[in-house]
């Protein structure tokens, strides 16, 4: 098989140094790949696709409809070449992630209680209290251990700089119902099945214990009303794009997967219907957005939640993970203030930097953004999944002008960021091995302690030159190897 440097001219930063030398932590892999026959990767990819299809590892794409009008099911593209991160880099990432999530949990508790950070003027009050994700129903509600985001998915990107030292940045915080961890686990299982010899040659830190840590975190969040908490996973149902993950995590944790119709409230407690009669529920790992959780409080037409759930929650008789109202901290208009939160609550300098961000609600930032749309990435503050976003350098003139009109009509609804030169990683595509841009989503679990498995979901933009890694936009995934030494 041809070596990487014979197969393309634009070198992938993660693999090669600025001096065009294979990085130390990729040398064993590079030597192994050079010994493989030329058709090996294609055969292994076919095997992986067959197994994923058999297991049912899919996601729904709502923009594509089948003959009955339902969202089509697709395999999430899986790349065979791992993303490798050395131990010392992960150690810094882990410290930064713990610091960041700790501060954001403090922030959420504060805005629903004393509001010290608002009174101090560190975060503008209107940014919080007029935020669509701010839930007045949560004011003065006590939650166990003052933890709101029990499962946080923090999107990390790496941008090479002229000095040759790539720096990690936080691109986005996902604190409501972050998804994708099932692909992290299944990607690792697949790599171990296809390439066991590589795991003998590398000391790759394990991730298989994530469901155990997740269950430990959920049980630790239980109300004090029981010593043996019953945990359930609440799903919107089989037509949700992440249903595979909901069922997978429930199975891996050994807990029940329920829908809203399976739950009911009686005497200020929540119960689930079982074949043996009602069973009290203590912790709900919800994969349902706030608006659909309780039709008595939020959206009256919702059939995905449980009527009366918020009353039980506010009484302290059930824990909802992640907490209601958590989204106030992962809104993109709040993101620029996270470094200040870290300093305000922890008295520390941020270990991980934000991407520089322009708030279009500010007159000067809006003027700069409008004048430079062709060079910036513009995002809706409530957008997700790669939707509601303009990548200026890749946009047409018409797309830029449409965004300009939308921003002028609602400047508060947008932020802008420079177009980072995201690091790239060798990726096996139809034309062979080529560089593709990547990000990383580690999963941070907050209970009595803050912990995580070493790694996360590496997402890869499979389209050449694309910076959009979301699976809904054609992105795929890679296994992420954190080396133990």
Protein backbone atom coordinates (compact mmCIF):
# COMPACT_ATOMS: atom_id res chain seq x y z
CA UNK A 1 0.00 0.00 0.00
CA UNK A 2 1.24 3.48 -0.85
CA UNK A 3 2.39 5.59 2.06
CA UNK A 4 0.31 8.63 2.99
CA UNK A 5 2.79 11.15 1.62
CA UNK A 6 2.61 9.55 -1.84
CA UNK A 7 -1.15 9.80 -2.03
CA UNK A 8 -1.90 13.49 -1.69
CA UNK A 9 -0.20 16.84 -1.70
CA UNK A 10 -1.99 18.59 1.18
CA UNK A 11 -0.63 16.91 4.26
CA UNK A 12 -3.04 16.13 7.12
CA UNK A 13 -1.93 18.12 10.13
CA UNK A 14 -2.81 15.46 12.69
CA UNK A 15 -0.51 12.98 10.99
CA UNK A 16 2.37 15.12 9.75
CA UNK A 17 4.32 17.86 11.48
CA UNK A 18 5.03 21.16 9.76
CA UNK A 19 8.34 19.65 8.73
CA UNK A 20 6.43 16.92 6.87
CA UNK A 21 7.58 14.25 9.28
CA UNK A 22 5.20 11.59 10.58
CA UNK A 23 4.32 12.51 14.15
CA UNK A 24 5.76 10.21 16.79
CA UNK A 25 2.40 8.84 17.94
CA UNK A 26 1.47 7.82 14.37
CA UNK A 27 4.72 6.08 13.44
CA UNK A 28 3.67 2.55 14.44
CA UNK A 29 0.41 2.94 12.53
CA UNK A 30 2.19 4.37 9.49
CA UNK A 31 4.62 1.45 9.37
CA UNK A 32 1.77 -1.05 9.76
CA UNK A 33 -0.28 0.50 6.96
CA UNK A 34 2.70 0.51 4.59
CA UNK A 35 2.87 -3.30 4.91
CA UNK A 36 -0.78 -3.91 3.99
CA UNK A 37 -1.95 -5.10 0.55
CA UNK A 38 -3.58 -2.42 -1.58
CA UNK A 39 -7.14 -3.78 -1.39
CA UNK A 40 -7.17 -4.38 2.35
CA UNK A 41 -8.88 -1.14 3.42
CA UNK A 42 -11.69 -1.48 0.88
CA UNK A 43 -12.42 -5.04 2.04
CA UNK A 44 -12.43 -4.04 5.69
CA UNK A 45 -14.77 -1.14 4.99
CA UNK A 46 -17.22 -3.51 3.28
CA UNK A 47 -17.06 -5.80 6.30
CA UNK A 48 -17.69 -2.87 8.69
CA UNK A 49 -20.71 -1.68 6.68
CA UNK A 50 -22.18 -5.18 6.63
CA UNK A 51 -21.84 -5.53 10.41
CA UNK A 52 -23.20 -2.05 11.15
CA UNK A 53 -26.20 -2.71 8.93
CA UNK A 54 -26.83 -6.06 10.61
CA UNK A 55 -26.67 -4.51 14.09
CA UNK A 56 -28.86 -1.57 13.00
CA UNK A 57 -26.46 1.28 13.77
CA UNK A 58 -28.35 3.96 11.87
CA UNK A 59 -29.65 7.50 12.19
CA UNK A 60 -32.69 9.15 10.62
CA UNK A 61 -32.30 12.02 8.18
CA UNK A 62 -35.42 14.16 8.45
CA UNK A 63 -34.74 16.08 5.23
CA UNK A 64 -34.93 12.87 3.19
CA UNK A 65 -38.29 11.12 3.02
CA UNK A 66 -39.17 7.58 2.07
CA UNK A 67 -42.33 6.59 0.19
CA UNK A 68 -44.41 6.87 3.36
CA UNK A 69 -43.06 10.31 4.20
CA UNK A 70 -40.90 9.20 7.14
CA UNK A 71 -37.28 10.18 7.60
CA UNK A 72 -34.92 7.76 5.87
CA UNK A 73 -32.56 5.56 7.85
CA UNK A 74 -28.86 5.66 6.99
CA UNK A 75 -25.69 4.08 8.22
CA UNK A 76 -23.48 6.69 9.76
CA UNK A 77 -20.29 6.65 7.66
CA UNK A 78 -17.40 5.07 9.58
CA UNK A 79 -13.78 5.71 8.68
CA UNK A 80 -11.21 2.97 9.23
CA UNK A 81 -8.24 5.23 10.02
CA UNK A 82 -8.17 6.18 13.72
CA UNK A 83 -7.50 9.62 15.10
CA UNK A 84 -4.60 9.22 17.57
CA UNK A 85 -3.95 11.65 20.44
CA UNK A 86 -0.90 11.32 22.69
CA UNK A 87 -1.30 11.04 26.46
CA UNK A 88 0.10 14.49 27.30
CA UNK A 89 -2.34 16.26 24.96
CA UNK A 90 -5.28 14.37 26.41
CA UNK A 91 -4.19 15.23 29.95
CA UNK A 92 -4.48 18.94 29.13
CA UNK A 93 -7.80 18.44 27.35
CA UNK A 94 -9.22 16.53 30.30
CA UNK A 95 -8.24 19.24 32.80
CA UNK A 96 -9.77 21.91 30.57
CA UNK A 97 -13.00 19.99 30.07
CA UNK A 98 -13.49 19.35 33.80
CA UNK A 99 -12.83 23.02 34.50
CA UNK A 100 -15.26 24.20 31.83
CA UNK A 101 -18.16 21.90 32.71
CA UNK A 102 -17.75 22.61 36.42
CA UNK A 103 -18.03 26.35 35.78
CA UNK A 104 -21.05 25.97 33.51
CA UNK A 105 -22.89 23.90 36.11
CA UNK A 106 -22.14 26.65 38.64
CA UNK A 107 -23.47 29.21 36.16
CA UNK A 108 -26.76 27.38 35.58
CA UNK A 109 -27.35 27.04 39.33
CA UNK A 110 -26.55 30.71 39.80
CA UNK A 111 -28.92 32.05 37.13
CA UNK A 112 -31.80 30.09 38.67
CA UNK A 113 -30.90 31.16 42.23
CA UNK A 114 -28.79 34.10 43.42
CA UNK A 115 -27.88 35.45 39.95
CA UNK A 116 -24.56 36.74 41.28
CA UNK A 117 -22.97 36.73 37.83
CA UNK A 118 -25.81 38.83 36.41
CA UNK A 119 -25.70 41.36 39.24
CA UNK A 120 -21.94 41.63 38.73
CA UNK A 121 -22.51 42.46 35.06
CA UNK A 122 -20.23 39.65 33.86
CA UNK A 123 -23.03 38.23 31.71
CA UNK A 124 -25.73 40.67 30.54
CA UNK A 125 -29.02 39.97 32.27
CA UNK A 126 -31.05 40.19 29.07
CA UNK A 127 -28.84 37.54 27.47
CA UNK A 128 -30.11 35.10 30.09
CA UNK A 129 -33.63 36.12 31.02
CA UNK A 130 -34.72 36.73 27.41
CA UNK A 131 -33.08 33.54 26.24
CA UNK A 132 -35.50 31.02 24.73
CA UNK A 133 -33.83 28.28 26.82
CA UNK A 134 -34.27 30.09 30.15
CA UNK A 135 -37.02 28.34 32.12
CA UNK A 136 -38.65 30.53 34.80
CA UNK A 137 -40.19 27.33 36.19
CA UNK A 138 -36.70 26.36 37.44
CA UNK A 139 -36.11 29.46 39.55
CA UNK A 140 -35.30 28.43 43.16
CA UNK A 141 -35.68 24.70 42.33
CA UNK A 142 -33.04 22.65 44.11
CA UNK A 143 -31.42 19.80 42.18
CA UNK A 144 -29.14 17.10 43.69
CA UNK A 145 -25.53 18.24 44.15
CA UNK A 146 -26.43 21.42 42.20
CA UNK A 147 -25.65 19.54 38.97
CA UNK A 148 -27.67 20.49 35.91
CA UNK A 149 -25.69 19.07 33.00
CA UNK A 150 -24.92 15.51 34.04
CA UNK A 151 -23.87 14.53 30.50
CA UNK A 152 -22.05 17.22 28.53
CA UNK A 153 -20.70 16.91 25.01
CA UNK A 154 -18.05 19.55 24.34
CA UNK A 155 -17.01 20.04 20.71
CA UNK A 156 -13.26 20.53 20.35
CA UNK A 157 -11.39 21.62 17.23
CA UNK A 158 -7.70 21.91 16.59
CA UNK A 159 -6.28 24.67 14.44
CA UNK A 160 -2.65 24.59 13.25
CA UNK A 161 -0.82 27.86 13.68
CA UNK A 162 2.22 29.21 11.80
CA UNK A 163 4.58 28.14 14.57
CA UNK A 164 3.54 24.53 13.94
CA UNK A 165 1.95 23.91 17.32
CA UNK A 166 -1.73 23.07 16.99
CA UNK A 167 -3.96 24.52 19.65
CA UNK A 168 -7.23 23.01 20.83
CA UNK A 169 -10.29 25.27 20.96
CA UNK A 170 -13.80 24.74 22.25
CA UNK A 171 -16.14 25.28 19.32
CA UNK A 172 -19.44 24.53 21.03
CA UNK A 173 -20.97 23.31 24.30
CA UNK A 174 -23.78 20.72 24.19
CA UNK A 175 -25.47 20.53 27.59
CA UNK A 176 -29.08 19.59 26.85
CA UNK A 177 -29.25 16.16 25.21
CA UNK A 178 -25.81 15.60 23.61
CA UNK A 179 -25.77 12.63 21.27
CA UNK A 180 -23.22 10.43 19.54
CA UNK A 181 -21.64 8.49 22.39
CA UNK A 182 -23.01 5.18 21.07
CA UNK A 183 -20.98 5.70 17.90
CA UNK A 184 -17.86 6.27 20.01
CA UNK A 185 -18.43 2.87 21.62
CA UNK A 186 -19.42 1.01 18.46
CA UNK A 187 -16.51 2.49 16.48
CA UNK A 188 -14.09 1.13 19.07
CA UNK A 189 -15.71 -2.33 18.99
CA UNK A 190 -15.46 -2.34 15.21
CA UNK A 191 -11.80 -1.33 15.16
CA UNK A 192 -10.92 -4.02 17.69
CA UNK A 193 -12.74 -6.58 15.57
CA UNK A 194 -11.16 -5.54 12.26
CA UNK A 195 -7.64 -4.69 13.43
CA UNK A 196 -6.80 -6.58 16.64
CA UNK A 197 -3.10 -6.49 15.81
CA UNK A 198 -3.10 -2.69 16.05
CA UNK A 199 -4.32 -2.83 19.64
CA UNK A 200 -1.47 -5.20 20.46
CA UNK A 201 0.95 -2.66 19.03
CA UNK A 202 -0.56 0.44 20.72
CA UNK A 203 -1.52 1.10 24.33
CA UNK A 204 -4.96 2.56 23.60
CA UNK A 205 -6.93 3.72 26.64
CA UNK A 206 -10.28 1.89 26.93
CA UNK A 207 -13.72 3.49 26.50
CA UNK A 208 -15.94 0.42 26.95
CA UNK A 209 -16.67 1.31 30.60
CA UNK A 210 -18.57 4.48 29.62
CA UNK A 211 -22.02 2.91 30.26
CA UNK A 212 -20.88 1.93 33.76
CA UNK A 213 -19.75 5.50 34.46
CA UNK A 214 -22.98 6.85 33.01
CA UNK A 215 -25.11 4.62 35.23
CA UNK A 216 -22.98 5.55 38.25
CA UNK A 217 -23.52 9.24 37.44
CA UNK A 218 -27.27 8.83 37.01
CA UNK A 219 -27.69 6.82 40.21
CA UNK A 220 -25.62 9.38 42.13
CA UNK A 221 -28.07 12.09 41.03
CA UNK A 222 -31.07 10.31 42.58
CA UNK A 223 -33.26 12.13 45.12
CA UNK A 224 -32.61 11.23 48.73
CA UNK A 225 -35.97 9.43 48.88
CA UNK A 226 -34.49 6.04 47.96
CA UNK A 227 -31.33 4.04 48.53
CA UNK A 228 -31.80 1.89 45.41
CA UNK A 229 -32.82 4.28 42.63
CA UNK A 230 -34.64 3.12 39.52
CA UNK A 231 -33.18 4.71 36.38
CA UNK A 232 -34.90 4.87 32.99
CA UNK A 233 -34.00 6.30 29.58
CA UNK A 234 -36.82 8.44 28.15
CA UNK A 235 -36.92 8.42 24.33
CA UNK A 236 -39.24 10.26 21.93
CA UNK A 237 -39.63 6.93 20.15
CA UNK A 238 -38.33 4.87 17.28
CA UNK A 239 -38.67 7.65 14.70
CA UNK A 240 -36.19 9.90 16.49
CA UNK A 241 -32.86 10.27 14.66
CA UNK A 242 -30.93 9.03 17.71
CA UNK A 243 -33.25 6.17 18.67
CA UNK A 244 -30.51 3.59 18.14
CA UNK A 245 -28.44 5.37 20.76
CA UNK A 246 -31.30 5.57 23.26
CA UNK A 247 -31.96 1.83 23.00
CA UNK A 248 -28.24 1.04 23.00
CA UNK A 249 -27.49 2.97 26.19
CA UNK A 250 -30.51 1.57 28.02
CA UNK A 251 -29.43 -1.95 27.09
CA UNK A 252 -25.79 -1.32 28.04
CA UNK A 253 -26.79 0.09 31.43
CA UNK A 254 -29.38 -2.60 32.08
CA UNK A 255 -32.24 -0.12 32.58
CA UNK A 256 -35.65 0.32 30.99
CA UNK A 257 -36.15 2.31 27.78
CA UNK A 258 -39.46 4.16 28.10
CA UNK A 259 -41.62 6.57 26.15
CA UNK A 260 -43.83 9.24 27.65
CA UNK A 261 -46.91 6.99 27.46
CA UNK A 262 -45.14 4.49 29.72
CA UNK A 263 -44.97 7.00 32.59
CA UNK A 264 -47.60 8.49 34.86
CA UNK A 265 -47.74 10.64 38.00
CA UNK A 266 -49.50 9.61 41.21
CA UNK A 267 -49.26 11.14 44.69
CA UNK A 268 -46.41 13.41 43.54
CA UNK A 269 -44.19 10.55 42.34
CA UNK A 270 -43.47 9.22 38.86
CA UNK A 271 -44.21 5.62 37.97
CA UNK A 272 -43.67 3.48 34.90
CA UNK A 273 -46.09 0.85 33.71
CA UNK A 274 -44.65 -2.67 33.75
CA UNK A 275 -46.08 -6.17 33.27
CA UNK A 276 -45.81 -6.58 37.05
CA UNK A 277 -47.64 -3.36 37.83
CA UNK A 278 -46.47 0.23 38.45
CA UNK A 279 -42.85 0.79 39.46
CA UNK A 280 -41.58 4.05 40.90
CA UNK A 281 -38.97 5.95 38.84
CA UNK A 282 -36.26 7.97 40.56
CA UNK A 283 -34.00 9.14 37.72
CA UNK A 284 -34.99 9.92 34.14
CA UNK A 285 -32.17 10.17 31.60
CA UNK A 286 -34.23 12.12 29.14
CA UNK A 287 -33.49 12.34 25.43
CA UNK A 288 -36.51 14.62 24.95
CA UNK A 289 -36.24 18.41 24.74
CA UNK A 290 -37.68 20.61 27.51
CA UNK A 291 -40.66 21.73 25.41
CA UNK A 292 -42.01 18.19 25.17
CA UNK A 293 -41.43 16.94 28.74
CA UNK A 294 -44.67 17.98 30.41
CA UNK A 295 -47.76 19.06 28.47
CA UNK A 296 -49.19 20.71 31.60
CA UNK A 297 -46.27 23.16 31.74
CA UNK A 298 -44.68 23.42 28.30
CA UNK A 299 -46.18 22.40 24.96
CA UNK A 300 -49.80 21.28 25.60
CA UNK A 301 -49.92 19.17 22.43
CA UNK A 302 -46.88 17.08 23.34
CA UNK A 303 -47.38 13.33 23.60
CA UNK A 304 -43.68 12.64 24.20
CA UNK A 305 -43.56 13.52 27.90
CA UNK A 306 -45.52 12.90 31.07
CA UNK A 307 -48.24 15.20 32.44
CA UNK A 308 -47.37 16.42 35.93
CA UNK A 309 -43.68 15.52 35.66
CA UNK A 310 -42.52 19.05 36.54
CA UNK A 311 -44.52 19.07 39.78
CA UNK A 312 -42.76 15.88 40.90
CA UNK A 313 -39.43 17.28 39.78
CA UNK A 314 -39.84 20.53 41.70
CA UNK A 315 -40.88 18.54 44.78
CA UNK A 316 -37.55 16.71 44.62
CA UNK A 317 -39.09 13.27 44.08
CA UNK A 318 -37.48 12.57 40.69
CA UNK A 319 -34.28 13.70 38.99
CA UNK A 320 -34.26 14.64 35.31
CA UNK A 321 -30.89 14.32 33.59
CA UNK A 322 -30.01 16.69 32.10
CA UNK A 323 -31.95 19.19 34.18
CA UNK A 324 -34.76 21.28 32.79
CA UNK A 325 -33.42 24.70 31.77
CA UNK A 326 -29.86 23.53 31.16
CA UNK A 327 -29.99 24.89 27.63
CA UNK A 328 -29.54 28.43 28.90
CA UNK A 329 -25.80 27.68 29.17
CA UNK A 330 -25.23 26.05 25.78
CA UNK A 331 -26.92 28.71 23.71
CA UNK A 332 -24.41 30.10 21.20
CA UNK A 333 -25.02 33.64 22.47
CA UNK A 334 -23.85 32.54 25.95
CA UNK A 335 -20.80 30.66 24.65
CA UNK A 336 -18.55 33.79 24.45
CA UNK A 337 -18.98 34.33 28.20
CA UNK A 338 -17.79 30.89 29.34
CA UNK A 339 -14.14 31.98 29.88
CA UNK A 340 -15.47 34.74 32.16
CA UNK A 341 -17.62 32.18 34.01
CA UNK A 342 -14.51 30.12 34.73
CA UNK A 343 -12.75 33.13 36.22
CA UNK A 344 -15.87 34.28 38.12
CA UNK A 345 -16.78 30.96 39.75
CA UNK A 346 -13.44 29.16 39.97
CA UNK A 347 -10.93 32.01 40.15
CA UNK A 348 -8.90 30.31 37.39
CA UNK A 349 -7.75 31.14 33.89
CA UNK A 350 -9.40 28.98 31.21
CA UNK A 351 -7.27 26.02 30.15
CA UNK A 352 -9.12 25.67 26.84
CA UNK A 353 -9.75 28.73 24.69
CA UNK A 354 -12.92 29.73 22.89
CA UNK A 355 -12.95 30.47 19.19
CA UNK A 356 -13.11 34.30 18.83
CA UNK A 357 -16.79 35.16 18.46
CA UNK A 358 -18.76 38.17 17.26
CA UNK A 359 -22.16 38.75 18.87
CA UNK A 360 -24.34 40.21 16.14
CA UNK A 361 -26.63 41.75 18.75
CA UNK A 362 -23.78 44.24 19.29
CA UNK A 363 -23.76 47.04 16.74
CA UNK A 364 -20.02 46.96 16.02
CA UNK A 365 -19.91 43.17 15.79
CA UNK A 366 -22.86 43.18 13.41
CA UNK A 367 -21.23 45.79 11.18
CA UNK A 368 -17.97 43.79 11.04
CA UNK A 369 -19.82 40.56 10.30
CA UNK A 370 -21.91 42.05 7.51
CA UNK A 371 -18.79 43.52 5.92
CA UNK A 372 -16.94 40.19 6.03
CA UNK A 373 -19.59 37.53 5.45
CA UNK A 374 -17.56 35.85 2.71
CA UNK A 375 -14.76 35.12 5.21
CA UNK A 376 -16.73 34.13 8.33
CA UNK A 377 -18.80 31.28 9.71
CA UNK A 378 -22.20 32.59 10.85
CA UNK A 379 -24.50 30.52 13.08
CA UNK A 380 -28.00 30.82 14.44
CA UNK A 381 -27.75 31.03 18.23
CA UNK A 382 -30.31 28.22 18.61
CA UNK A 383 -29.12 26.21 15.61
CA UNK A 384 -27.87 22.62 15.83
CA UNK A 385 -26.80 19.73 13.64
CA UNK A 386 -25.04 21.94 11.11
CA UNK A 387 -28.31 23.65 10.15
CA UNK A 388 -28.86 27.41 10.19
CA UNK A 389 -25.21 28.07 9.39
CA UNK A 390 -23.30 29.98 6.72
CA UNK A 391 -19.73 28.99 5.88
CA UNK A 392 -18.71 32.14 4.04
CA UNK A 393 -15.76 30.84 1.98
CA UNK A 394 -17.89 27.95 0.66
CA UNK A 395 -21.13 29.92 0.15
CA UNK A 396 -22.58 31.31 -3.06
CA UNK A 397 -23.27 35.01 -3.47
CA UNK A 398 -27.00 34.30 -3.24
CA UNK A 399 -26.59 32.36 0.02
CA UNK A 400 -24.55 35.20 1.49
CA UNK A 401 -27.17 37.75 0.53
CA UNK A 402 -29.98 35.63 2.00
CA UNK A 403 -28.06 35.41 5.27
CA UNK A 404 -27.43 39.15 5.22
CA UNK A 405 -31.18 39.80 5.02
CA UNK A 406 -31.91 37.34 7.83
CA UNK A 407 -29.26 38.89 10.07
CA UNK A 408 -30.53 42.41 9.49
CA UNK A 409 -34.04 41.27 10.36
CA UNK A 410 -32.93 39.54 13.58
CA UNK A 411 -29.33 40.37 14.57
CA UNK A 412 -29.81 38.89 18.06
CA UNK A 413 -30.30 35.49 16.48
CA UNK A 414 -26.74 35.16 15.11
CA UNK A 415 -23.09 34.93 16.05
CA UNK A 416 -20.06 34.90 13.75
CA UNK A 417 -16.62 33.32 14.00
CA UNK A 418 -13.50 33.31 11.84
CA UNK A 419 -13.15 30.36 9.49
CA UNK A 420 -10.57 28.26 11.29
CA UNK A 421 -8.12 26.14 9.36
CA UNK A 422 -9.30 23.00 11.13
CA UNK A 423 -6.79 20.21 11.45
CA UNK A 424 -7.21 17.28 9.12
CA UNK A 425 -6.64 13.57 9.50
CA UNK A 426 -5.96 10.80 6.96
CA UNK A 427 -9.32 9.40 5.88
CA UNK A 428 -10.18 6.48 3.60
CA UNK A 429 -12.47 7.84 0.87
CA UNK A 430 -13.48 6.56 -2.56
CA UNK A 431 -10.36 7.95 -4.22
CA UNK A 432 -8.03 6.44 -1.60
CA UNK A 433 -6.52 8.02 1.49
CA UNK A 434 -6.98 11.78 1.66
CA UNK A 435 -7.02 14.53 4.31
CA UNK A 436 -10.40 15.47 5.75
CA UNK A 437 -11.26 17.99 8.46
CA UNK A 438 -12.23 16.69 11.91
CA UNK A 439 -13.48 17.70 15.33
CA UNK A 440 -13.77 15.85 18.64
CA UNK A 441 -16.69 15.49 21.06
CA UNK A 442 -15.58 14.17 24.48
CA UNK A 443 -18.37 13.29 26.92
CA UNK A 444 -18.07 14.72 30.43
CA UNK A 445 -20.10 13.11 33.22
CA UNK A 446 -20.93 15.22 36.28
CA UNK A 447 -22.23 13.55 39.44
CA UNK A 448 -20.60 13.50 42.84
CA UNK A 449 -17.40 13.86 40.81
CA UNK A 450 -16.63 14.94 37.25
CA UNK A 451 -15.23 12.12 35.13
CA UNK A 452 -14.96 10.87 31.56
CA UNK A 453 -13.54 8.06 29.51
CA UNK A 454 -10.30 8.89 27.65
CA UNK A 455 -11.50 9.79 24.19
CA UNK A 456 -14.68 10.85 22.49
CA UNK A 457 -16.36 10.87 19.13
CA UNK A 458 -14.18 12.14 16.31
CA UNK A 459 -16.43 13.45 13.55
CA UNK A 460 -15.04 13.86 10.05
CA UNK A 461 -16.22 16.02 7.14
CA UNK A 462 -16.13 13.48 4.32
CA UNK A 463 -16.66 16.01 1.54
CA UNK A 464 -13.39 17.46 0.27
CA UNK A 465 -12.62 20.87 1.82
CA UNK A 466 -15.85 20.80 3.86
CA UNK A 467 -15.75 22.06 7.46
CA UNK A 468 -19.17 20.59 8.39
CA UNK A 469 -18.75 17.32 10.28
CA UNK A 470 -22.38 16.66 11.32
CA UNK A 471 -23.78 13.31 10.22
CA UNK A 472 -26.95 15.06 9.06
CA UNK A 473 -24.78 17.04 6.64
CA UNK A 474 -22.80 14.12 5.22
CA UNK A 475 -20.18 13.74 7.94
CA UNK A 476 -18.83 10.48 9.34
CA UNK A 477 -17.04 9.21 12.43
CA UNK A 478 -13.65 7.81 13.44
CA UNK A 479 -12.38 5.87 16.41
CA UNK A 480 -10.40 8.11 18.75
CA UNK A 481 -7.30 6.57 20.33
CA UNK A 482 -5.86 8.15 23.46
CA UNK A 483 -2.46 6.60 24.03
CA UNK A 484 -1.77 5.68 27.64
CA UNK A 485 1.95 6.55 27.41
